[in-house]
C-alpha atoms as a PDB file:
ATOM      1  CA  ILE A   1     110.452 144.612 140.206  1.00  0.00           C
ATOM      2  CA  ALA A   2     113.592 146.790 140.170  1.00  0.00           C
ATOM      3  CA  LEU A   3     113.935 146.250 136.425  1.00  0.00           C
ATOM      4  CA  LEU A   4     110.289 147.187 135.920  1.00  0.00           C
ATOM      5  CA  LEU A   5     110.789 150.392 137.930  1.00  0.00           C
ATOM      6  CA  CYS A   6     113.852 151.273 135.815  1.00  0.00           C
ATOM      7  CA  VAL A   7     111.874 150.704 132.624  1.00  0.00           C
ATOM      8  CA  LEU A   8     109.010 152.854 133.907  1.00  0.00           C
ATOM      9  CA  ALA A   9     111.483 155.611 134.812  1.00  0.00           C
ATOM     10  CA  ILE A  10     113.076 155.465 131.348  1.00  0.00           C
ATOM     11  CA  GLN A  11     109.693 155.614 129.655  1.00  0.00           C
ATOM     12  CA  GLY A  12     108.846 158.791 131.565  1.00  0.00           C
ATOM     13  CA  LEU A  13     111.906 160.672 130.303  1.00  0.00           C
ATOM     14  CA  ASP A  14     111.433 163.116 127.447  1.00  0.00           C
ATOM     15  CA  TYR A  15     114.634 162.231 125.563  1.00  0.00           C
ATOM     16  CA  PRO A  16     114.760 160.439 122.202  1.00  0.00           C
ATOM     17  CA  ILE A  17     117.174 157.782 123.448  1.00  0.00           C
ATOM     18  CA  ALA A  18     114.960 157.020 126.464  1.00  0.00           C
ATOM     19  CA  GLN A  19     111.907 156.701 124.226  1.00  0.00           C
ATOM     20  CA  THR A  20     113.848 154.436 121.825  1.00  0.00           C
ATOM     21  CA  VAL A  21     115.059 152.205 124.666  1.00  0.00           C
ATOM     22  CA  SER A  22     111.538 152.028 126.057  1.00  0.00           C
ATOM     23  CA  ALA A  23     110.089 151.091 122.654  1.00  0.00           C
ATOM     24  CA  GLU A  24     112.758 148.430 122.130  1.00  0.00           C
ATOM     25  CA  LEU A  25     112.100 146.930 125.566  1.00  0.00           C
ATOM     26  CA  HIS A  26     108.386 146.911 124.769  1.00  0.00           C
ATOM     27  CA  ASN A  27     109.103 145.124 121.464  1.00  0.00           C
ATOM     28  CA  TRP A  28     111.321 142.601 123.218  1.00  0.00           C
ATOM     29  CA  VAL A  29     108.716 141.765 125.839  1.00  0.00           C
ATOM     30  CA  THR A  30     105.878 141.459 123.326  1.00  0.00           C
ATOM     31  CA  MET A  31     107.665 139.970 120.308  1.00  0.00           C
ATOM     32  CA  ASP A  32     106.593 136.691 118.756  1.00  0.00           C
ATOM     33  CA  LEU A  33     109.031 134.254 117.232  1.00  0.00           C
ATOM     34  CA  ASP A  34     108.046 132.131 114.257  1.00  0.00           C
ATOM     35  CA  GLU A  35     106.381 128.724 114.767  1.00  0.00           C
ATOM     36  CA  ASN A  36     109.688 126.850 114.538  1.00  0.00           C
ATOM     37  CA  LEU A  37     111.117 128.613 117.578  1.00  0.00           C
ATOM     38  CA  GLY A  38     107.991 128.898 119.658  1.00  0.00           C
ATOM     39  CA  SER A  39     106.748 132.046 121.311  1.00  0.00           C
ATOM     40  CA  LEU A  40     107.932 134.452 123.980  1.00  0.00           C
ATOM     41  CA  LYS A  41     104.393 135.486 124.929  1.00  0.00           C
ATOM     42  CA  PHE A  42     104.959 133.567 128.170  1.00  0.00           C
ATOM     43  CA  VAL A  43     107.046 136.564 129.266  1.00  0.00           C
ATOM     44  CA  GLN A  44     103.786 138.482 129.640  1.00  0.00           C
ATOM     45  CA  ASN A  45     102.770 136.017 132.356  1.00  0.00           C
ATOM     46  CA  LEU A  46     105.886 136.927 134.328  1.00  0.00           C
ATOM     47  CA  LEU A  47     105.097 140.656 134.440  1.00  0.00           C
ATOM     48  CA  PRO A  48     102.725 142.208 136.966  1.00  0.00           C
ATOM     49  CA  ASP A  49      99.338 143.282 135.620  1.00  0.00           C
ATOM     50  CA  ALA A  50     100.287 146.926 136.226  1.00  0.00           C
ATOM     51  CA  ALA A  51     103.141 146.619 133.724  1.00  0.00           C
ATOM     52  CA  LEU A  52     100.837 145.039 131.133  1.00  0.00           C
ATOM     53  CA  VAL A  53      98.327 147.874 131.498  1.00  0.00           C
ATOM     54  CA  PHE A  54     101.061 150.539 131.462  1.00  0.00           C
ATOM     55  CA  TRP A  55     102.575 149.154 128.261  1.00  0.00           C
ATOM     56  CA  HIS A  56      99.223 148.195 126.703  1.00  0.00           C
ATOM     57  CA  ILE A  57     100.544 144.674 126.148  1.00  0.00           C
ATOM     58  CA  GLY A  58      98.013 142.495 124.398  1.00  0.00           C
ATOM     59  CA  GLU A  59      96.461 145.354 122.446  1.00  0.00           C
ATOM     60  CA  SER A  60      97.258 145.143 118.763  1.00  0.00           C
ATOM     61  CA  ASN A  61      96.511 148.764 117.890  1.00  0.00           C
ATOM     62  CA  THR A  62      98.936 150.905 119.846  1.00  0.00           C
ATOM     63  CA  TYR A  63     101.094 153.497 118.135  1.00  0.00           C
ATOM     64  CA  ALA A  64     103.733 155.925 119.369  1.00  0.00           C
ATOM     65  CA  HIS A  65     104.065 159.489 118.154  1.00  0.00           C
ATOM     66  CA  PRO A  66     106.545 159.742 115.245  1.00  0.00           C
ATOM     67  CA  VAL A  67     108.486 162.665 116.759  1.00  0.00           C
ATOM     68  CA  PHE A  68     109.682 162.944 120.378  1.00  0.00           C
ATOM     69  CA  GLY A  69     109.472 166.084 122.474  1.00  0.00           C
ATOM     70  CA  THR A  70     107.242 167.975 120.067  1.00  0.00           C
ATOM     71  CA  SER A  71     103.672 169.069 120.476  1.00  0.00           C
ATOM     72  CA  ILE A  72     101.068 168.564 117.812  1.00  0.00           C
ATOM     73  CA  SER A  73     100.593 171.766 115.838  1.00  0.00           C
ATOM     74  CA  HIS A  74      97.586 170.482 113.865  1.00  0.00           C
ATOM     75  CA  ALA A  75      95.059 168.080 115.336  1.00  0.00           C
ATOM     76  CA  TRP A  76      93.205 165.434 113.347  1.00  0.00           C
ATOM     77  CA  ALA A  77      89.862 166.562 111.885  1.00  0.00           C
ATOM     78  CA  GLU A  78      87.385 165.027 109.447  1.00  0.00           C
ATOM     79  CA  ASN A  79      88.134 167.653 106.785  1.00  0.00           C
ATOM     80  CA  GLU A  80      91.930 167.577 107.412  1.00  0.00           C
ATOM     81  CA  PRO A  81      92.564 163.990 108.568  1.00  0.00           C
ATOM     82  CA  TRP A  82      96.203 164.148 109.682  1.00  0.00           C
ATOM     83  CA  LEU A  83      98.376 165.317 112.548  1.00  0.00           C
ATOM     84  CA  VAL A  84     101.196 167.827 112.094  1.00  0.00           C
ATOM     85  CA  TYR A  85     104.267 167.879 114.336  1.00  0.00           C
ATOM     86  CA  SER A  86     106.464 170.989 114.225  1.00  0.00           C
ATOM     87  CA  PRO A  87     109.736 170.446 116.078  1.00  0.00           C
ATOM     88  CA  GLU A  88     111.932 173.471 116.781  1.00  0.00           C
ATOM     89  CA  LYS A  89     114.660 172.012 114.589  1.00  0.00           C
ATOM     90  CA  GLN A  90     115.149 169.140 112.179  1.00  0.00           C
ATOM     91  CA  THR A  91     114.703 165.894 114.105  1.00  0.00           C
ATOM     92  CA  GLU A  92     114.462 162.141 113.591  1.00  0.00           C
ATOM     93  CA  VAL A  93     111.128 160.697 112.509  1.00  0.00           C
ATOM     94  CA  ILE A  94     110.457 157.212 113.863  1.00  0.00           C
ATOM     95  CA  ALA A  95     108.076 154.392 112.996  1.00  0.00           C
ATOM     96  CA  SER A  96     105.056 154.486 115.297  1.00  0.00           C
ATOM     97  CA  ALA A  97     104.890 150.694 115.236  1.00  0.00           C
ATOM     98  CA  SER A  98     106.742 147.880 113.502  1.00  0.00           C
ATOM     99  CA  GLY A  99     105.841 147.451 109.867  1.00  0.00           C
ATOM    100  CA  GLU A 100     106.852 147.017 106.248  1.00  0.00           C
ATOM    101  CA  VAL A 101     107.655 150.009 104.062  1.00  0.00           C
ATOM    102  CA  MET A 102     104.978 149.812 101.364  1.00  0.00           C
ATOM    103  CA  SER A 103     106.099 152.898  99.469  1.00  0.00           C
ATOM    104  CA  VAL A 104     108.430 155.860  99.475  1.00  0.00           C
ATOM    105  CA  SER A 105     107.402 158.693  97.174  1.00  0.00           C
ATOM    106  CA  TYR A 106     108.998 162.064  96.508  1.00  0.00           C
ATOM    107  CA  SER A 107     107.265 165.352  95.753  1.00  0.00           C
ATOM    108  CA  ASP A 108     108.528 168.095  93.450  1.00  0.00           C
ATOM    109  CA  ASP A 109     110.385 169.721  96.360  1.00  0.00           C
ATOM    110  CA  GLN A 110     112.166 166.369  97.030  1.00  0.00           C
ATOM    111  CA  THR A 111     110.477 165.721 100.382  1.00  0.00           C
ATOM    112  CA  ALA A 112     109.570 162.085 100.950  1.00  0.00           C
ATOM    113  CA  THR A 113     106.368 160.432 102.058  1.00  0.00           C
ATOM    114  CA  VAL A 114     106.723 156.987 103.657  1.00  0.00           C
ATOM    115  CA  ARG A 115     103.853 154.510 104.003  1.00  0.00           C
ATOM    116  CA  LEU A 116     104.114 151.578 106.433  1.00  0.00           C
ATOM    117  CA  ARG A 117     101.758 148.610 106.722  1.00  0.00           C
ATOM    118  CA  HIS A 118     101.461 147.046 110.174  1.00  0.00           C
ATOM    119  CA  SER A 119     100.553 143.522 111.284  1.00  0.00           C
ATOM    120  CA  ASP A 120      97.084 144.652 112.399  1.00  0.00           C
ATOM    121  CA  GLY A 121      96.283 145.798 108.840  1.00  0.00           C
ATOM    122  CA  LEU A 122      96.523 149.517 109.572  1.00  0.00           C
ATOM    123  CA  GLU A 123      98.845 151.822 107.658  1.00  0.00           C
ATOM    124  CA  THR A 124     100.775 154.855 108.857  1.00  0.00           C
ATOM    125  CA  ILE A 125     101.849 157.710 106.601  1.00  0.00           C
ATOM    126  CA  TYR A 126     104.787 160.012 107.369  1.00  0.00           C
ATOM    127  CA  GLY A 127     104.966 163.086 105.131  1.00  0.00           C
ATOM    128  CA  ASN A 128     107.493 165.853 104.469  1.00  0.00           C
ATOM    129  CA  LEU A 129     110.653 163.893 105.309  1.00  0.00           C
ATOM    130  CA  LEU A 130     113.656 165.992 104.300  1.00  0.00           C
ATOM    131  CA  ARG A 131     115.947 162.965 104.519  1.00  0.00           C
ATOM    132  CA  CYS A 132     114.609 159.446 104.052  1.00  0.00           C
ATOM    133  CA  ARG A 133     116.504 156.413 105.395  1.00  0.00           C
ATOM    134  CA  VAL A 134     114.219 153.597 104.242  1.00  0.00           C
ATOM    135  CA  GLN A 135     113.130 152.123 100.946  1.00  0.00           C
ATOM    136  CA  GLU A 136     110.208 150.070  99.721  1.00  0.00           C
ATOM    137  CA  GLY A 137     110.252 146.533 101.100  1.00  0.00           C
ATOM    138  CA  ASP A 138     112.259 147.360 104.242  1.00  0.00           C
ATOM    139  CA  TRP A 139     111.020 146.072 107.590  1.00  0.00           C
ATOM    140  CA  VAL A 140     111.140 148.757 110.283  1.00  0.00           C
ATOM    141  CA  GLU A 141     110.853 148.013 113.997  1.00  0.00           C
ATOM    142  CA  ALA A 142     108.842 150.313 116.264  1.00  0.00           C
ATOM    143  CA  ALA A 143     110.919 153.443 116.965  1.00  0.00           C
ATOM    144  CA  GLY A 144     113.129 152.658 113.962  1.00  0.00           C
ATOM    145  CA  ILE A 145     114.333 155.791 112.201  1.00  0.00           C
ATOM    146  CA  LEU A 146     112.522 156.563 108.941  1.00  0.00           C
ATOM    147  CA  GLY A 147     114.243 159.866 108.224  1.00  0.00           C
ATOM    148  CA  GLU A 148     114.479 163.451 109.407  1.00  0.00           C
ATOM    149  CA  SER A 149     112.233 166.466 109.116  1.00  0.00           C
ATOM    150  CA  ASP A 150     111.363 169.840 110.583  1.00  0.00           C
ATOM    151  CA  ILE A 151     107.610 169.416 109.980  1.00  0.00           C
ATOM    152  CA  VAL A 152     106.003 165.965 109.969  1.00  0.00           C
ATOM    153  CA  TYR A 153     102.587 165.094 108.596  1.00  0.00           C
ATOM    154  CA  PHE A 154     101.269 161.876 110.172  1.00  0.00           C
ATOM    155  CA  GLU A 155      98.233 159.800 109.367  1.00  0.00           C
ATOM    156  CA  ILE A 156      96.807 156.387 110.295  1.00  0.00           C
ATOM    157  CA  ARG A 157      94.642 154.623 107.730  1.00  0.00           C
ATOM    158  CA  SER A 158      92.295 151.681 107.900  1.00  0.00           C
ATOM    159  CA  GLU A 159      91.270 150.144 104.590  1.00  0.00           C
ATOM    160  CA  GLY A 160      92.538 153.230 102.764  1.00  0.00           C
ATOM    161  CA  ARG A 161      90.579 155.739 104.874  1.00  0.00           C
ATOM    162  CA  SER A 162      92.132 158.074 107.418  1.00  0.00           C
ATOM    163  CA  ILE A 163      91.042 157.410 110.989  1.00  0.00           C
ATOM    164  CA  ASN A 164      91.367 159.481 114.146  1.00  0.00           C
ATOM    165  CA  PRO A 165      94.686 158.349 115.650  1.00  0.00           C
ATOM    166  CA  ALA A 166      93.985 159.643 119.186  1.00  0.00           C
ATOM    167  CA  PRO A 167      92.495 156.380 120.554  1.00  0.00           C
ATOM    168  CA  LEU A 168      95.447 154.411 119.174  1.00  0.00           C
ATOM    169  CA  MET A 169      98.302 156.600 120.439  1.00  0.00           C
ATOM    170  CA  VAL A 170     100.060 155.382 123.614  1.00  0.00           C
ATOM    171  CA  ALA A 171     102.109 158.374 124.732  1.00  0.00           C
ATOM    172  CA  GLN A 172     102.391 162.076 124.238  1.00  0.00           C
ATOM    173  CA  PRO A 173     105.413 163.191 122.227  1.00  0.00           C
END
């Protein structure tokens, strides 16, 4: 119970390192090993129901915000189906969930757009990265650093179409 309280306290902090630690702990508790090694899903049975609800364990579609400590400067809308984060200074952009880098493309101004595919079939798009740290084919864990930017365009897609990310997001930035 003491460990759970520490984890809950860390998750409530508004610091990038606290959010990264929290995401890594979440990944550790919910990770699956391959068939040869068995599964760690039994760990979920050891945690109180309150922890499972708090962490949304068992839900496949939960995504974190790609930038910590920054409010959304543009909300998702049907005619402009993306979120925009505008940090006060250049900051790290993280993967909202674990996934494979499907593509990294560069625009004329040399900013990068990264597209990740996740195990639930959804894709996330991270646009306007000033520095990109991943390449096509890389596997990125949740909260893994994709690059850096001072304005981040973020989108979640299902079957190639942008969807409202609000119901899928687990925490405010």
